[in-house]
């Protein structure tokens, strides 16, 4: 890269320093060091280098194609950018804070490498539409990565659901035992959440997949650019319609962070359940030792740190969403420097969600389900009370009357500290003469599960059918 000129003093030094900036011609003073440190973004936006180089190569090819650049100049720019990308990937590139951002660093390096042709790259564009393009490319890549990770996690859940289709556990409402459910059915409920999360991300991808490059600073450009060509080169489905909107809005980043926030809320709910279930008070599951930590003082402790951290990181991603919303809410059109602050929340949301998905997909296959404990818990709390009411309805009793009769039976059994299934036939007939000996088939957790044998319900047969449908759709 080119070296700075020897030190000078006075107005000449100020002019020399300002002219090192690619925008410095208008300025007679060098940038204050405090301002330089305060306004730089290269410390974090350098991760856009792949997208920046791809966008610049497509732009250069287009400029050569429409005759704004000579063919040799376009080729030199594309090759020079390719070499810079290789240097960055190999860790050989020297990033300079004085050059502010990823765009200026790469352009300056290009000019140092290929000469004046590098100075022509920025013809017909601005950093405003350049960064808008880079961010759309980055967000598109992030969505594709998260979609793949969600697919992998969805498959893990299918395997876990298949393994535990016959495992009975209590279903809860209000965190009170409600009705027996299949553990596999519960895993499929988790899967449904992330299937929707994936669909939300891909839906957001459709809206962001439009090329803003060519909008220049805010009003377009006087050069005979071919935006459709650049869009095709970069895999965009269309070009944006309005130059003012193109450079100034970050709704695609907001939408991405919103989808990430909801995804993390789902993972947080799973985490809460795993934390509860792995407690000795529940004892439904055992997390693999390699995904847990111990206590510095209590030697017996096995702490579910991974789900706890996912639960905690959910607040962080929601904070990223809020940061972007507040960032955008007061900005007039078009671009404002505020938008330099859009990148860190976007990057953080992507990184946090990706890490959370990876750790869940690695942890869940080794989840040990304590089937006996789950089954014992499902037999508590009068979980088959609704089954007794349904039994009476099937024998002609109106549901409200059946509900009242079973409620009375529950109160009676609670007074005896036993379950409904522990009552004798004569005791059950105190509450309805319609009860027969076959009632006990309905008062077991397995009988309750098997009775709910319809599309979308918890019977093991339906769980396996749901798994088959999911695999056929994949």
Protein backbone atom coordinates (compact mmCIF):
# COMPACT_ATOMS: atom_id res chain seq x y z
CA UNK A 1 0.00 0.00 0.00
CA UNK A 2 1.15 3.60 -0.54
CA UNK A 3 3.00 5.31 2.31
CA UNK A 4 1.98 8.75 3.66
CA UNK A 5 3.96 11.80 2.64
CA UNK A 6 6.75 13.01 4.97
CA UNK A 7 5.53 15.16 7.90
CA UNK A 8 4.82 18.80 7.14
CA UNK A 9 3.70 21.73 9.28
CA UNK A 10 1.23 24.61 9.07
CA UNK A 11 -1.57 24.95 6.51
CA UNK A 12 0.30 22.77 4.05
CA UNK A 13 0.33 19.92 6.56
CA UNK A 14 -3.39 20.31 7.18
CA UNK A 15 -4.12 20.30 3.50
CA UNK A 16 -1.91 17.27 2.93
CA UNK A 17 -3.63 15.33 5.72
CA UNK A 18 -7.13 16.20 4.52
CA UNK A 19 -6.22 15.23 0.99
CA UNK A 20 -5.33 11.74 2.18
CA UNK A 21 -9.05 11.31 2.70
CA UNK A 22 -10.75 10.27 -0.50
CA UNK A 23 -13.24 13.07 0.14
CA UNK A 24 -10.67 15.60 1.46
CA UNK A 25 -10.47 18.13 -1.35
CA UNK A 26 -12.96 20.53 0.21
CA UNK A 27 -11.21 20.61 3.62
CA UNK A 28 -8.33 22.83 4.79
CA UNK A 29 -7.89 21.09 8.16
CA UNK A 30 -7.08 17.55 9.07
CA UNK A 31 -9.68 15.58 10.99
CA UNK A 32 -9.36 15.91 14.74
CA UNK A 33 -8.04 12.70 16.24
CA UNK A 34 -11.03 12.50 18.58
CA UNK A 35 -13.38 12.81 15.61
CA UNK A 36 -11.39 10.27 13.63
CA UNK A 37 -11.69 7.72 16.43
CA UNK A 38 -15.34 8.59 17.04
CA UNK A 39 -16.48 8.34 13.44
CA UNK A 40 -14.48 5.38 12.15
CA UNK A 41 -16.37 2.19 11.41
CA UNK A 42 -13.68 0.03 9.87
CA UNK A 43 -13.14 -1.69 13.22
CA UNK A 44 -16.49 -3.42 12.74
CA UNK A 45 -17.65 -2.94 9.15
CA UNK A 46 -14.55 -4.66 7.75
CA UNK A 47 -16.54 -7.88 7.98
CA UNK A 48 -18.44 -6.60 4.92
CA UNK A 49 -15.32 -6.96 2.77
CA UNK A 50 -16.60 -9.91 0.76
CA UNK A 51 -19.83 -8.13 -0.07
CA UNK A 52 -18.00 -4.88 -0.79
CA UNK A 53 -15.60 -6.53 -3.20
CA UNK A 54 -18.37 -8.46 -4.97
CA UNK A 55 -20.44 -5.27 -5.34
CA UNK A 56 -17.46 -3.29 -6.62
CA UNK A 57 -16.51 -5.97 -9.14
CA UNK A 58 -20.05 -6.03 -10.52
CA UNK A 59 -20.07 -2.22 -10.66
CA UNK A 60 -16.75 -2.16 -12.52
CA UNK A 61 -17.91 -4.74 -15.05
CA UNK A 62 -21.03 -2.68 -15.64
CA UNK A 63 -19.05 0.58 -16.10
CA UNK A 64 -16.86 -1.15 -18.65
CA UNK A 65 -19.89 -2.64 -20.36
CA UNK A 66 -21.56 0.75 -20.85
CA UNK A 67 -18.30 2.43 -21.94
CA UNK A 68 -17.68 4.60 -18.88
CA UNK A 69 -14.49 2.60 -18.28
CA UNK A 70 -12.19 1.17 -20.88
CA UNK A 71 -12.31 -2.61 -21.02
CA UNK A 72 -8.71 -2.84 -19.76
CA UNK A 73 -9.54 -0.57 -16.83
CA UNK A 74 -12.51 -2.70 -15.87
CA UNK A 75 -10.41 -5.85 -16.04
CA UNK A 76 -7.66 -4.28 -13.93
CA UNK A 77 -10.16 -3.22 -11.28
CA UNK A 78 -11.81 -6.63 -11.10
CA UNK A 79 -8.45 -8.39 -10.88
CA UNK A 80 -7.12 -5.92 -8.33
CA UNK A 81 -10.16 -6.37 -6.13
CA UNK A 82 -9.79 -10.13 -6.39
CA UNK A 83 -6.20 -9.88 -5.19
CA UNK A 84 -7.20 -7.61 -2.31
CA UNK A 85 -9.85 -10.11 -1.29
CA UNK A 86 -7.23 -12.84 -1.24
CA UNK A 87 -5.00 -10.66 0.96
CA UNK A 88 -7.85 -9.99 3.38
CA UNK A 89 -8.78 -13.67 3.56
CA UNK A 90 -5.15 -14.55 4.27
CA UNK A 91 -4.77 -11.89 6.96
CA UNK A 92 -2.23 -9.87 4.97
CA UNK A 93 -4.33 -6.74 4.53
CA UNK A 94 -3.52 -3.71 6.69
CA UNK A 95 -6.69 -1.94 7.74
CA UNK A 96 -6.29 1.80 8.38
CA UNK A 97 -8.53 3.70 10.80
CA UNK A 98 -7.69 6.95 9.03
CA UNK A 99 -9.49 5.61 5.95
CA UNK A 100 -12.69 5.37 8.02
CA UNK A 101 -14.47 2.32 6.68
CA UNK A 102 -14.26 -0.88 4.70
CA UNK A 103 -15.13 0.89 1.44
CA UNK A 104 -12.38 3.52 1.63
CA UNK A 105 -9.80 1.00 2.79
CA UNK A 106 -10.44 -1.27 -0.17
CA UNK A 107 -10.62 1.56 -2.70
CA UNK A 108 -7.39 3.10 -1.41
CA UNK A 109 -5.64 -0.27 -1.57
CA UNK A 110 -6.95 -0.77 -5.10
CA UNK A 111 -5.54 2.57 -6.27
CA UNK A 112 -2.19 1.81 -4.64
CA UNK A 113 -2.17 -1.54 -6.44
CA UNK A 114 -3.34 -0.63 -9.97
CA UNK A 115 -2.90 3.15 -10.20
CA UNK A 116 -5.33 5.69 -11.61
CA UNK A 117 -7.79 3.07 -12.84
CA UNK A 118 -8.60 2.44 -9.18
CA UNK A 119 -9.70 6.04 -8.81
CA UNK A 120 -12.35 5.47 -11.46
CA UNK A 121 -14.14 2.66 -9.61
CA UNK A 122 -16.37 5.04 -7.66
CA UNK A 123 -17.75 6.63 -10.83
CA UNK A 124 -21.56 6.60 -10.79
CA UNK A 125 -21.98 5.55 -7.18
CA UNK A 126 -21.76 6.85 -3.60
CA UNK A 127 -20.85 5.25 -0.34
CA UNK A 128 -24.56 5.64 0.42
CA UNK A 129 -25.74 3.17 -2.20
CA UNK A 130 -22.55 1.14 -1.83
CA UNK A 131 -23.15 0.39 1.86
CA UNK A 132 -26.85 -0.18 1.27
CA UNK A 133 -25.87 -2.83 -1.29
CA UNK A 134 -23.27 -4.40 0.97
CA UNK A 135 -25.74 -4.64 3.84
CA UNK A 136 -28.39 -6.25 1.68
CA UNK A 137 -25.86 -8.77 0.42
CA UNK A 138 -24.71 -9.47 3.98
CA UNK A 139 -28.24 -9.86 5.31
CA UNK A 140 -29.13 -12.16 2.43
CA UNK A 141 -26.10 -14.32 3.22
CA UNK A 142 -27.04 -14.30 6.91
CA UNK A 143 -30.58 -15.46 6.13
CA UNK A 144 -29.26 -18.29 3.97
CA UNK A 145 -26.93 -19.41 6.75
CA UNK A 146 -29.66 -19.28 9.41
CA UNK A 147 -32.08 -21.15 7.13
CA UNK A 148 -29.55 -23.98 6.81
CA UNK A 149 -29.00 -24.04 10.57
CA UNK A 150 -32.75 -24.14 11.15
CA UNK A 151 -33.05 -27.05 8.74
CA UNK A 152 -30.40 -28.93 10.68
CA UNK A 153 -32.11 -28.26 14.01
CA UNK A 154 -35.49 -29.24 12.58
CA UNK A 155 -34.04 -32.60 11.56
CA UNK A 156 -32.62 -33.12 15.06
CA UNK A 157 -36.09 -32.50 16.49
CA UNK A 158 -37.64 -34.98 14.06
CA UNK A 159 -35.18 -37.63 15.18
CA UNK A 160 -35.86 -36.88 18.85
CA UNK A 161 -39.62 -36.93 18.25
CA UNK A 162 -39.36 -40.29 16.51
CA UNK A 163 -37.27 -41.73 19.32
CA UNK A 164 -39.73 -40.54 21.99
CA UNK A 165 -43.06 -40.89 20.18
CA UNK A 166 -44.33 -43.40 22.75
CA UNK A 167 -42.91 -41.60 25.78
CA UNK A 168 -45.67 -40.21 27.99
CA UNK A 169 -45.13 -36.91 29.76
CA UNK A 170 -47.46 -34.39 31.36
CA UNK A 171 -48.66 -31.54 29.24
CA UNK A 172 -49.00 -28.25 31.09
CA UNK A 173 -51.17 -25.19 31.09
CA UNK A 174 -50.41 -22.43 33.60
CA UNK A 175 -47.44 -24.69 34.47
CA UNK A 176 -49.97 -27.00 36.09
CA UNK A 177 -50.38 -30.60 34.95
CA UNK A 178 -53.13 -30.60 32.34
CA UNK A 179 -53.27 -33.74 30.17
CA UNK A 180 -50.81 -36.46 29.13
CA UNK A 181 -48.94 -35.84 25.90
CA UNK A 182 -46.29 -37.65 23.91
CA UNK A 183 -42.77 -36.34 24.47
CA UNK A 184 -42.34 -36.66 20.71
CA UNK A 185 -45.41 -34.50 20.20
CA UNK A 186 -43.81 -31.86 22.41
CA UNK A 187 -40.65 -31.93 20.28
CA UNK A 188 -42.75 -31.48 17.16
CA UNK A 189 -44.30 -28.41 18.77
CA UNK A 190 -40.81 -26.96 19.09
CA UNK A 191 -40.17 -27.83 15.47
CA UNK A 192 -43.31 -26.06 14.28
CA UNK A 193 -41.99 -22.85 15.84
CA UNK A 194 -38.69 -22.91 13.96
CA UNK A 195 -40.34 -23.94 10.70
CA UNK A 196 -42.29 -20.67 10.93
CA UNK A 197 -39.12 -18.82 11.90
CA UNK A 198 -37.41 -20.11 8.78
CA UNK A 199 -40.37 -19.07 6.64
CA UNK A 200 -40.30 -15.58 8.16
CA UNK A 201 -36.62 -15.18 7.35
CA UNK A 202 -37.10 -16.37 3.77
CA UNK A 203 -40.07 -14.06 3.38
CA UNK A 204 -37.90 -11.15 4.54
CA UNK A 205 -35.26 -12.26 2.02
CA UNK A 206 -37.71 -11.69 -0.83
CA UNK A 207 -38.19 -8.04 0.15
CA UNK A 208 -34.51 -7.25 0.68
CA UNK A 209 -33.37 -8.92 -2.54
CA UNK A 210 -33.48 -5.74 -4.60
CA UNK A 211 -30.41 -3.84 -5.74
CA UNK A 212 -30.00 -0.26 -4.42
CA UNK A 213 -26.71 0.36 -6.27
CA UNK A 214 -27.19 3.08 -8.86
CA UNK A 215 -29.10 5.33 -6.48
CA UNK A 216 -25.77 7.10 -5.81
CA UNK A 217 -25.90 9.61 -2.95
CA UNK A 218 -29.67 10.09 -3.09
CA UNK A 219 -30.81 11.24 -6.54
CA UNK A 220 -29.30 8.75 -8.98
CA UNK A 221 -26.43 9.43 -11.37
CA UNK A 222 -25.81 11.11 -14.72
CA UNK A 223 -23.88 8.13 -16.09
CA UNK A 224 -25.58 5.61 -18.42
CA UNK A 225 -25.51 2.81 -15.86
CA UNK A 226 -27.11 -0.60 -16.31
CA UNK A 227 -28.61 -1.47 -12.93
CA UNK A 228 -30.29 -4.61 -14.20
CA UNK A 229 -26.91 -6.01 -15.24
CA UNK A 230 -25.45 -5.38 -11.78
CA UNK A 231 -28.52 -6.93 -10.16
CA UNK A 232 -28.07 -10.04 -12.28
CA UNK A 233 -24.38 -10.22 -11.42
CA UNK A 234 -25.10 -10.06 -7.70
CA UNK A 235 -28.14 -12.34 -7.67
CA UNK A 236 -30.73 -9.66 -6.91
CA UNK A 237 -34.20 -10.32 -8.27
CA UNK A 238 -34.89 -6.67 -9.11
CA UNK A 239 -33.62 -3.13 -8.67
CA UNK A 240 -35.06 -0.69 -6.15
CA UNK A 241 -37.62 1.79 -7.47
CA UNK A 242 -36.72 5.00 -5.62
CA UNK A 243 -33.23 6.37 -5.05
CA UNK A 244 -34.14 8.32 -1.90
CA UNK A 245 -35.64 5.29 -0.23
CA UNK A 246 -32.87 3.01 -1.46
CA UNK A 247 -30.04 4.75 0.37
CA UNK A 248 -31.85 5.77 3.54
CA UNK A 249 -34.04 2.96 4.81
CA UNK A 250 -32.88 -0.04 6.77
CA UNK A 251 -36.23 -1.74 7.12
CA UNK A 252 -34.72 -4.95 5.72
CA UNK A 253 -32.27 -4.99 8.64
CA UNK A 254 -35.07 -4.22 11.09
CA UNK A 255 -37.16 -7.03 9.64
CA UNK A 256 -34.23 -9.43 9.87
CA UNK A 257 -33.66 -8.54 13.52
CA UNK A 258 -37.39 -8.87 14.20
CA UNK A 259 -37.39 -12.39 12.77
CA UNK A 260 -34.24 -13.17 14.76
CA UNK A 261 -35.85 -11.84 17.93
CA UNK A 262 -38.90 -14.04 17.54
CA UNK A 263 -36.69 -17.01 16.74
CA UNK A 264 -34.72 -16.39 19.93
CA UNK A 265 -37.96 -16.06 21.92
CA UNK A 266 -38.79 -19.58 20.75
CA UNK A 267 -35.35 -20.87 21.74
CA UNK A 268 -35.73 -19.12 25.07
CA UNK A 269 -39.01 -20.91 25.72
CA UNK A 270 -37.35 -24.23 24.92
CA UNK A 271 -34.50 -23.27 27.22
CA UNK A 272 -36.88 -22.54 30.06
CA UNK A 273 -38.44 -25.96 29.65
CA UNK A 274 -35.06 -27.71 29.54
CA UNK A 275 -33.98 -25.84 32.66
CA UNK A 276 -37.11 -26.92 34.49
CA UNK A 277 -37.10 -30.47 33.15
CA UNK A 278 -33.46 -31.04 34.09
CA UNK A 279 -34.06 -29.92 37.67
CA UNK A 280 -34.35 -32.79 40.19
CA UNK A 281 -37.80 -31.41 41.04
CA UNK A 282 -38.90 -32.48 37.55
CA UNK A 283 -36.25 -34.97 36.51
CA UNK A 284 -37.66 -35.39 33.00
CA UNK A 285 -34.34 -35.07 31.15
CA UNK A 286 -30.61 -35.16 31.67
CA UNK A 287 -28.47 -32.80 29.66
CA UNK A 288 -25.13 -34.12 28.41
CA UNK A 289 -22.33 -33.34 30.85
CA UNK A 290 -20.33 -31.63 28.12
CA UNK A 291 -23.08 -29.03 27.75
CA UNK A 292 -23.24 -28.24 31.48
CA UNK A 293 -21.00 -26.67 34.09
CA UNK A 294 -20.48 -27.07 37.80
CA UNK A 295 -20.41 -24.85 40.85
CA UNK A 296 -17.32 -23.36 42.45
CA UNK A 297 -18.65 -24.19 45.92
CA UNK A 298 -21.36 -26.87 45.61
CA UNK A 299 -19.80 -30.07 44.28
CA UNK A 300 -23.15 -31.72 43.49
CA UNK A 301 -24.27 -29.06 41.03
CA UNK A 302 -24.77 -29.69 37.32
CA UNK A 303 -25.91 -26.39 35.89
CA UNK A 304 -27.79 -26.06 32.57
CA UNK A 305 -25.65 -23.13 31.45
CA UNK A 306 -26.23 -23.55 27.71
CA UNK A 307 -30.01 -23.11 27.83
CA UNK A 308 -29.61 -20.41 30.49
CA UNK A 309 -27.27 -18.46 28.22
CA UNK A 310 -29.58 -18.88 25.23
CA UNK A 311 -32.39 -17.56 27.40
CA UNK A 312 -30.19 -14.61 28.38
CA UNK A 313 -28.96 -13.91 24.87
CA UNK A 314 -32.57 -13.61 23.74
CA UNK A 315 -32.73 -10.26 25.51
CA UNK A 316 -29.61 -9.21 23.66
CA UNK A 317 -31.13 -9.92 20.25
CA UNK A 318 -34.35 -8.16 21.21
CA UNK A 319 -32.12 -5.25 22.19
CA UNK A 320 -30.53 -5.32 18.73
CA UNK A 321 -34.00 -4.99 17.22
CA UNK A 322 -34.88 -2.11 19.51
CA UNK A 323 -31.59 -0.37 18.72
CA UNK A 324 -32.39 -0.42 15.00
CA UNK A 325 -35.96 0.75 15.49
CA UNK A 326 -34.86 3.69 17.63
CA UNK A 327 -32.01 4.43 15.21
CA UNK A 328 -34.44 4.83 12.31
CA UNK A 329 -37.40 6.50 13.97
CA UNK A 330 -36.28 10.13 13.71
CA UNK A 331 -34.34 10.22 10.46
CA UNK A 332 -35.47 12.46 7.60
CA UNK A 333 -34.75 11.38 4.05
CA UNK A 334 -32.24 10.58 2.73
CA UNK A 335 -29.03 9.13 4.18
CA UNK A 336 -27.82 10.26 7.62
CA UNK A 337 -24.60 9.30 9.39
CA UNK A 338 -26.73 7.78 12.16
CA UNK A 339 -26.96 4.77 9.89
CA UNK A 340 -23.36 3.90 10.60
CA UNK A 341 -24.85 2.45 13.80
CA UNK A 342 -26.96 -0.05 11.89
CA UNK A 343 -24.22 -2.63 11.46
CA UNK A 344 -23.32 -3.73 14.97
CA UNK A 345 -26.90 -4.67 15.96
CA UNK A 346 -27.34 -6.49 12.65
CA UNK A 347 -24.05 -8.37 13.03
CA UNK A 348 -24.71 -9.18 16.67
CA UNK A 349 -28.20 -10.55 16.00
CA UNK A 350 -26.84 -12.76 13.22
CA UNK A 351 -23.91 -14.03 15.28
CA UNK A 352 -25.97 -14.69 18.40
CA UNK A 353 -28.74 -16.56 16.60
CA UNK A 354 -26.30 -18.64 14.58
CA UNK A 355 -24.35 -19.63 17.71
CA UNK A 356 -27.56 -20.49 19.58
CA UNK A 357 -28.85 -22.69 16.76
CA UNK A 358 -25.54 -24.52 16.50
CA UNK A 359 -25.34 -25.28 20.20
CA UNK A 360 -28.94 -26.52 20.35
CA UNK A 361 -28.42 -28.78 17.33
CA UNK A 362 -25.30 -30.20 18.98
CA UNK A 363 -26.90 -30.70 22.41
CA UNK A 364 -30.32 -32.17 21.67
CA UNK A 365 -29.29 -35.48 20.03
CA UNK A 366 -27.66 -36.52 23.33
CA UNK A 367 -30.61 -35.42 25.47
CA UNK A 368 -31.45 -38.29 27.84
CA UNK A 369 -35.18 -38.53 28.44
CA UNK A 370 -36.10 -40.07 31.79
CA UNK A 371 -39.15 -41.94 30.59
CA UNK A 372 -40.17 -43.39 33.94
CA UNK A 373 -40.08 -39.97 35.60
CA UNK A 374 -42.08 -38.43 32.75
CA UNK A 375 -44.67 -41.19 32.95
CA UNK A 376 -44.96 -40.92 36.74
CA UNK A 377 -45.48 -37.17 36.49
CA UNK A 378 -48.13 -37.66 33.79
CA UNK A 379 -50.08 -39.85 36.21
CA UNK A 380 -50.22 -37.07 38.79
CA UNK A 381 -52.45 -34.04 39.07
CA UNK A 382 -55.60 -35.79 37.79
CA UNK A 383 -54.29 -35.48 34.22
CA UNK A 384 -56.96 -37.89 32.91
CA UNK A 385 -59.91 -35.98 34.38
CA UNK A 386 -60.94 -34.71 30.97
CA UNK A 387 -60.81 -38.28 29.68
CA UNK A 388 -63.32 -39.29 32.37
CA UNK A 389 -65.57 -36.42 31.36
CA UNK A 390 -65.33 -37.45 27.70
CA UNK A 391 -66.11 -41.03 28.72
CA UNK A 392 -69.35 -39.85 30.33
CA UNK A 393 -70.26 -37.67 27.36
CA UNK A 394 -69.87 -40.67 25.07
CA UNK A 395 -72.45 -42.41 27.26
CA UNK A 396 -74.99 -39.64 26.80
CA UNK A 397 -74.28 -37.18 29.62
CA UNK A 398 -74.16 -33.50 28.55
CA UNK A 399 -70.62 -32.17 28.76
CA UNK A 400 -71.36 -29.58 31.45
CA UNK A 401 -72.95 -32.22 33.63
CA UNK A 402 -70.01 -34.52 32.98
CA UNK A 403 -67.60 -31.71 33.84
CA UNK A 404 -69.37 -31.13 37.16
CA UNK A 405 -69.47 -34.84 38.01
CA UNK A 406 -65.77 -35.29 37.32
CA UNK A 407 -64.91 -32.15 39.27
CA UNK A 408 -66.70 -33.67 42.25
CA UNK A 409 -64.83 -36.93 41.74
CA UNK A 410 -61.52 -35.05 41.64
CA UNK A 411 -62.33 -33.30 44.91
CA UNK A 412 -63.18 -36.64 46.48
CA UNK A 413 -59.95 -38.27 45.24
CA UNK A 414 -57.91 -35.27 46.40
CA UNK A 415 -59.40 -35.71 49.84
CA UNK A 416 -58.16 -39.30 49.83
CA UNK A 417 -54.76 -38.25 48.41
CA UNK A 418 -55.14 -40.61 45.46
CA UNK A 419 -55.68 -40.38 41.72
CA UNK A 420 -58.93 -41.01 39.84
CA UNK A 421 -57.58 -44.34 38.61
CA UNK A 422 -57.11 -45.41 42.24
CA UNK A 423 -60.82 -45.05 43.05
CA UNK A 424 -62.93 -48.19 43.05
CA UNK A 425 -65.70 -48.67 40.54
CA UNK A 426 -68.29 -48.14 43.29
CA UNK A 427 -66.60 -44.89 44.31
CA UNK A 428 -66.64 -43.61 40.74
CA UNK A 429 -70.32 -44.54 40.38
CA UNK A 430 -71.15 -42.19 43.26
CA UNK A 431 -70.63 -39.40 40.75
CA UNK A 432 -72.33 -41.00 37.75
CA UNK A 433 -74.15 -44.31 37.29
CA UNK A 434 -72.90 -44.35 33.69
CA UNK A 435 -69.42 -45.46 34.76
CA UNK A 436 -68.54 -49.06 33.86
CA UNK A 437 -65.46 -51.21 34.39
CA UNK A 438 -63.97 -50.20 31.03
CA UNK A 439 -63.45 -46.69 32.39
CA UNK A 440 -60.01 -47.62 33.70
CA UNK A 441 -58.72 -48.00 30.15
CA UNK A 442 -59.29 -44.28 29.77
CA UNK A 443 -57.76 -43.28 33.09
CA UNK A 444 -54.18 -44.29 32.26
CA UNK A 445 -51.78 -41.84 30.62
CA UNK A 446 -51.32 -44.27 27.71
CA UNK A 447 -55.07 -44.59 27.25
CA UNK A 448 -55.40 -40.81 27.25
CA UNK A 449 -52.73 -40.47 24.57
CA UNK A 450 -54.14 -43.21 22.38
CA UNK A 451 -57.64 -41.75 22.49
CA UNK A 452 -56.45 -38.51 20.83
CA UNK A 453 -55.87 -40.14 17.49
CA UNK A 454 -56.59 -37.49 14.90
CA UNK A 455 -54.58 -35.17 12.67
CA UNK A 456 -52.38 -32.87 14.73
CA UNK A 457 -53.06 -34.59 18.06
CA UNK A 458 -50.74 -36.34 20.49
CA UNK A 459 -51.39 -40.06 19.90
CA UNK A 460 -48.11 -41.82 19.06
CA UNK A 461 -49.61 -42.93 15.75
CA UNK A 462 -50.28 -39.28 14.88
CA UNK A 463 -46.80 -38.24 16.00
CA UNK A 464 -45.27 -40.73 13.57
CA UNK A 465 -47.62 -39.59 10.84
CA UNK A 466 -46.57 -35.97 11.45
CA UNK A 467 -42.91 -36.97 11.24
CA UNK A 468 -43.54 -38.73 7.92
CA UNK A 469 -45.33 -35.66 6.54
CA UNK A 470 -42.47 -33.42 7.62
CA UNK A 471 -39.90 -35.62 5.91
CA UNK A 472 -41.97 -35.78 2.74
CA UNK A 473 -42.13 -31.97 2.64
CA UNK A 474 -38.39 -31.56 3.12
